[in-house]
Amino acid sequence: MQDSARSQKDVAIKEFQQQHYEKSIKIFRLALMLHPEDGSAWMKFKRSVESHQATAYFKLKRYEEALEVGETSYGSNPSYKFTVRENLLYTSPV
């Protein structure tokens, strides 16, 4: 199943790159459904797909949906919040 999910994600990314944003969103959704929820591999895959989905919604000027997907993705992993905050603190110019 993971291979199918990754394959669908790759197809969705190609559609996204060709500016077929609606189609890419649907294929990203399919990729999420195909990937087994198996811990950290699932979370990494999910965040990546949701990030692409949010960007596709943004490109379509569907800002509320972009924000919703982005917030859901960001909120689904509390440790990611700390990592982002930590990176900002250590990489910010003085």
N, C-alpha and C. Protein backbone atom coordinates (compact mmCIF):
# COMPACT_ATOMS: atom_id res chain seq x y z
N MET A 1 0.81 -1.20 0.00
CA MET A 1 0.00 0.00 0.00
C MET A 1 0.86 1.27 0.00
N GLN A 2 1.97 1.25 0.75
CA GLN A 2 2.82 2.43 0.79
C GLN A 2 3.33 2.78 -0.60
N ASP A 3 3.68 1.77 -1.37
CA ASP A 3 4.18 2.02 -2.73
C ASP A 3 3.11 2.67 -3.59
N SER A 4 1.87 2.20 -3.46
CA SER A 4 0.76 2.81 -4.21
C SER A 4 0.56 4.25 -3.79
N ALA A 5 0.64 4.49 -2.49
CA ALA A 5 0.46 5.85 -1.97
C ALA A 5 1.56 6.77 -2.49
N ARG A 6 2.78 6.29 -2.45
CA ARG A 6 3.90 7.11 -2.96
C ARG A 6 3.77 7.36 -4.46
N SER A 7 3.34 6.35 -5.16
CA SER A 7 3.14 6.48 -6.60
C SER A 7 2.09 7.55 -6.90
N GLN A 8 0.99 7.51 -6.16
CA GLN A 8 -0.06 8.50 -6.35
C GLN A 8 0.43 9.90 -5.98
N LYS A 9 1.23 9.99 -4.94
CA LYS A 9 1.80 11.29 -4.55
C LYS A 9 2.67 11.83 -5.68
N ASP A 10 3.47 10.98 -6.29
CA ASP A 10 4.32 11.40 -7.41
C ASP A 10 3.48 11.90 -8.59
N VAL A 11 2.39 11.19 -8.87
CA VAL A 11 1.49 11.61 -9.95
C VAL A 11 0.88 12.97 -9.61
N ALA A 12 0.46 13.13 -8.37
CA ALA A 12 -0.15 14.39 -7.94
C ALA A 12 0.84 15.54 -8.05
N ILE A 13 2.08 15.29 -7.70
CA ILE A 13 3.10 16.34 -7.80
C ILE A 13 3.30 16.75 -9.26
N LYS A 14 3.30 15.77 -10.16
CA LYS A 14 3.43 16.10 -11.59
C LYS A 14 2.24 16.93 -12.06
N GLU A 15 1.05 16.57 -11.62
CA GLU A 15 -0.14 17.35 -11.98
C GLU A 15 -0.03 18.77 -11.42
N PHE A 16 0.45 18.88 -10.20
CA PHE A 16 0.64 20.18 -9.56
C PHE A 16 1.63 21.02 -10.38
N GLN A 17 2.74 20.42 -10.76
CA GLN A 17 3.75 21.13 -11.52
C GLN A 17 3.23 21.61 -12.88
N GLN A 18 2.25 20.91 -13.41
CA GLN A 18 1.63 21.30 -14.68
C GLN A 18 0.46 22.27 -14.45
N GLN A 19 0.33 22.71 -13.22
CA GLN A 19 -0.71 23.67 -12.80
C GLN A 19 -2.12 23.10 -12.90
N HIS A 20 -2.24 21.79 -12.78
CA HIS A 20 -3.54 21.12 -12.72
C HIS A 20 -3.87 20.93 -11.23
N TYR A 21 -4.16 22.04 -10.57
CA TYR A 21 -4.27 22.04 -9.12
C TYR A 21 -5.46 21.24 -8.59
N GLU A 22 -6.61 21.37 -9.23
CA GLU A 22 -7.79 20.61 -8.80
C GLU A 22 -7.51 19.11 -8.85
N LYS A 23 -6.95 18.69 -9.96
CA LYS A 23 -6.65 17.26 -10.15
C LYS A 23 -5.62 16.80 -9.12
N SER A 24 -4.60 17.63 -8.88
CA SER A 24 -3.57 17.24 -7.91
C SER A 24 -4.15 17.08 -6.51
N ILE A 25 -5.07 17.95 -6.12
CA ILE A 25 -5.70 17.86 -4.80
C ILE A 25 -6.40 16.52 -4.65
N LYS A 26 -7.13 16.12 -5.67
CA LYS A 26 -7.86 14.84 -5.61
C LYS A 26 -6.89 13.66 -5.51
N ILE A 27 -5.81 13.72 -6.27
CA ILE A 27 -4.85 12.61 -6.26
C ILE A 27 -4.10 12.58 -4.92
N PHE A 28 -3.78 13.75 -4.38
CA PHE A 28 -3.16 13.79 -3.05
C PHE A 28 -4.08 13.15 -2.01
N ARG A 29 -5.37 13.43 -2.11
CA ARG A 29 -6.35 12.85 -1.19
C ARG A 29 -6.35 11.32 -1.30
N LEU A 30 -6.27 10.82 -2.53
CA LEU A 30 -6.21 9.38 -2.76
C LEU A 30 -4.93 8.80 -2.14
N ALA A 31 -3.82 9.49 -2.33
CA ALA A 31 -2.54 9.02 -1.76
C ALA A 31 -2.65 8.87 -0.25
N LEU A 32 -3.30 9.83 0.40
CA LEU A 32 -3.47 9.74 1.86
C LEU A 32 -4.32 8.54 2.25
N MET A 33 -5.34 8.27 1.46
CA MET A 33 -6.21 7.13 1.77
C MET A 33 -5.49 5.80 1.59
N LEU A 34 -4.55 5.74 0.66
CA LEU A 34 -3.84 4.49 0.37
C LEU A 34 -2.71 4.19 1.36
N HIS A 35 -2.17 5.22 1.98
CA HIS A 35 -1.02 5.01 2.86
C HIS A 35 -1.48 4.50 4.23
N PRO A 36 -0.90 3.40 4.70
CA PRO A 36 -1.28 2.90 6.02
C PRO A 36 -0.81 3.86 7.12
N GLU A 37 -1.64 3.99 8.14
CA GLU A 37 -1.30 4.85 9.27
C GLU A 37 -0.37 4.07 10.20
N ASP A 38 0.93 4.18 9.94
CA ASP A 38 1.90 3.36 10.64
C ASP A 38 2.96 4.17 11.39
N GLY A 39 2.53 5.15 12.13
CA GLY A 39 3.47 5.89 12.97
C GLY A 39 4.19 7.01 12.25
N SER A 40 5.49 7.10 12.47
CA SER A 40 6.25 8.24 11.97
C SER A 40 6.31 8.31 10.45
N ALA A 41 6.34 7.17 9.78
CA ALA A 41 6.34 7.19 8.31
C ALA A 41 5.05 7.81 7.80
N TRP A 42 3.94 7.46 8.44
CA TRP A 42 2.64 8.02 8.07
C TRP A 42 2.62 9.53 8.30
N MET A 43 3.10 9.97 9.45
CA MET A 43 3.07 11.40 9.77
C MET A 43 3.91 12.20 8.78
N LYS A 44 5.08 11.71 8.44
CA LYS A 44 5.95 12.41 7.49
C LYS A 44 5.27 12.49 6.12
N PHE A 45 4.72 11.39 5.68
CA PHE A 45 4.01 11.34 4.40
C PHE A 45 2.82 12.29 4.41
N LYS A 46 2.04 12.23 5.48
CA LYS A 46 0.84 13.05 5.62
C LYS A 46 1.19 14.53 5.58
N ARG A 47 2.19 14.94 6.33
CA ARG A 47 2.58 16.36 6.34
C ARG A 47 3.02 16.81 4.95
N SER A 48 3.78 15.98 4.26
CA SER A 48 4.24 16.33 2.92
C SER A 48 3.07 16.50 1.96
N VAL A 49 2.16 15.54 1.97
CA VAL A 49 1.00 15.61 1.08
C VAL A 49 0.13 16.81 1.43
N GLU A 50 -0.14 17.01 2.71
CA GLU A 50 -0.99 18.13 3.11
C GLU A 50 -0.34 19.47 2.78
N SER A 51 0.96 19.55 2.86
CA SER A 51 1.65 20.77 2.49
C SER A 51 1.42 21.08 1.00
N HIS A 52 1.54 20.07 0.17
CA HIS A 52 1.29 20.25 -1.26
C HIS A 52 -0.18 20.61 -1.52
N GLN A 53 -1.08 19.95 -0.80
CA GLN A 53 -2.50 20.25 -0.97
C GLN A 53 -2.78 21.71 -0.60
N ALA A 54 -2.25 22.15 0.52
CA ALA A 54 -2.46 23.53 0.95
C ALA A 54 -1.96 24.51 -0.11
N THR A 55 -0.81 24.22 -0.68
CA THR A 55 -0.26 25.09 -1.72
C THR A 55 -1.15 25.09 -2.96
N ALA A 56 -1.69 23.93 -3.32
CA ALA A 56 -2.59 23.86 -4.48
C ALA A 56 -3.85 24.68 -4.22
N TYR A 57 -4.41 24.56 -3.03
CA TYR A 57 -5.58 25.38 -2.69
C TYR A 57 -5.23 26.87 -2.77
N PHE A 58 -4.06 27.23 -2.30
CA PHE A 58 -3.63 28.62 -2.34
C PHE A 58 -3.52 29.11 -3.78
N LYS A 59 -2.95 28.29 -4.64
CA LYS A 59 -2.80 28.66 -6.06
C LYS A 59 -4.17 28.86 -6.72
N LEU A 60 -5.17 28.13 -6.22
CA LEU A 60 -6.54 28.27 -6.73
C LEU A 60 -7.28 29.43 -6.06
N LYS A 61 -6.59 30.14 -5.18
CA LYS A 61 -7.16 31.25 -4.41
C LYS A 61 -8.29 30.79 -3.50
N ARG A 62 -8.18 29.54 -3.06
CA ARG A 62 -9.14 28.98 -2.10
C ARG A 62 -8.45 29.02 -0.74
N TYR A 63 -8.32 30.24 -0.25
CA TYR A 63 -7.47 30.52 0.90
C TYR A 63 -7.96 29.85 2.19
N GLU A 64 -9.26 29.81 2.40
CA GLU A 64 -9.78 29.17 3.62
C GLU A 64 -9.43 27.69 3.65
N GLU A 65 -9.56 27.02 2.52
CA GLU A 65 -9.22 25.60 2.45
C GLU A 65 -7.71 25.39 2.62
N ALA A 66 -6.93 26.29 2.05
CA ALA A 66 -5.48 26.20 2.20
C ALA A 66 -5.10 26.34 3.67
N LEU A 67 -5.70 27.29 4.33
CA LEU A 67 -5.43 27.51 5.75
C LEU A 67 -5.87 26.32 6.60
N GLU A 68 -7.04 25.79 6.29
CA GLU A 68 -7.57 24.66 7.04
C GLU A 68 -6.66 23.43 6.93
N VAL A 69 -6.24 23.11 5.71
CA VAL A 69 -5.36 21.96 5.50
C VAL A 69 -4.01 22.19 6.18
N GLY A 70 -3.49 23.40 6.03
CA GLY A 70 -2.21 23.73 6.66
C GLY A 70 -2.26 23.64 8.17
N GLU A 71 -3.31 24.18 8.76
CA GLU A 71 -3.44 24.14 10.22
C GLU A 71 -3.63 22.71 10.72
N THR A 72 -4.41 21.93 9.99
CA THR A 72 -4.62 20.53 10.38
C THR A 72 -3.30 19.77 10.34
N SER A 73 -2.54 19.98 9.29
CA SER A 73 -1.25 19.31 9.16
C SER A 73 -0.30 19.74 10.27
N TYR A 74 -0.21 21.01 10.48
CA TYR A 74 0.68 21.57 11.49
C TYR A 74 0.28 21.09 12.89
N GLY A 75 -1.01 21.07 13.15
CA GLY A 75 -1.50 20.69 14.47
C GLY A 75 -1.48 19.20 14.73
N SER A 76 -1.28 18.39 13.70
CA SER A 76 -1.33 16.94 13.89
C SER A 76 -0.06 16.38 14.51
N ASN A 77 0.97 17.20 14.62
CA ASN A 77 2.21 16.72 15.21
C ASN A 77 2.79 17.79 16.13
N PRO A 78 2.47 17.72 17.42
CA PRO A 78 2.93 18.73 18.38
C PRO A 78 4.45 18.87 18.41
N SER A 79 5.20 17.81 18.21
CA SER A 79 6.66 17.91 18.25
C SER A 79 7.18 18.73 17.07
N TYR A 80 6.44 18.74 15.97
CA TYR A 80 6.84 19.53 14.80
C TYR A 80 6.81 21.02 15.14
N LYS A 81 5.82 21.43 15.92
CA LYS A 81 5.73 22.83 16.32
C LYS A 81 7.00 23.25 17.04
N PHE A 82 7.46 22.42 17.96
CA PHE A 82 8.66 22.74 18.71
C PHE A 82 9.86 22.82 17.77
N THR A 83 9.96 21.91 16.85
CA THR A 83 11.08 21.89 15.91
C THR A 83 11.10 23.16 15.07
N VAL A 84 9.96 23.57 14.57
CA VAL A 84 9.89 24.78 13.76
C VAL A 84 10.29 25.99 14.60
N ARG A 85 9.74 26.10 15.78
CA ARG A 85 10.06 27.22 16.66
C ARG A 85 11.54 27.23 16.99
N GLU A 86 12.08 26.06 17.29
CA GLU A 86 13.50 25.94 17.63
C GLU A 86 14.36 26.36 16.44
N ASN A 87 14.01 25.90 15.24
CA ASN A 87 14.77 26.28 14.05
C ASN A 87 14.73 27.78 13.80
N LEU A 88 13.59 28.39 14.02
CA LEU A 88 13.48 29.83 13.83
C LEU A 88 14.38 30.58 14.82
N LEU A 89 14.43 30.10 16.04
CA LEU A 89 15.25 30.76 17.05
C LEU A 89 16.73 30.67 16.70
N TYR A 90 17.15 29.52 16.20
CA TYR A 90 18.57 29.32 15.93
C TYR A 90 19.03 29.81 14.57
N THR A 91 18.08 30.07 13.66
CA THR A 91 18.49 30.52 12.33
C THR A 91 18.16 31.99 12.08
N SER A 92 17.51 32.64 13.04
CA SER A 92 17.16 34.05 12.86
C SER A 92 18.41 34.91 12.93
N PRO A 93 18.50 35.91 12.06
CA PRO A 93 19.65 36.81 12.11
C PRO A 93 19.62 37.63 13.40
N VAL A 94 20.78 37.95 13.91
CA VAL A 94 20.88 38.71 15.16
C VAL A 94 20.86 40.18 14.88
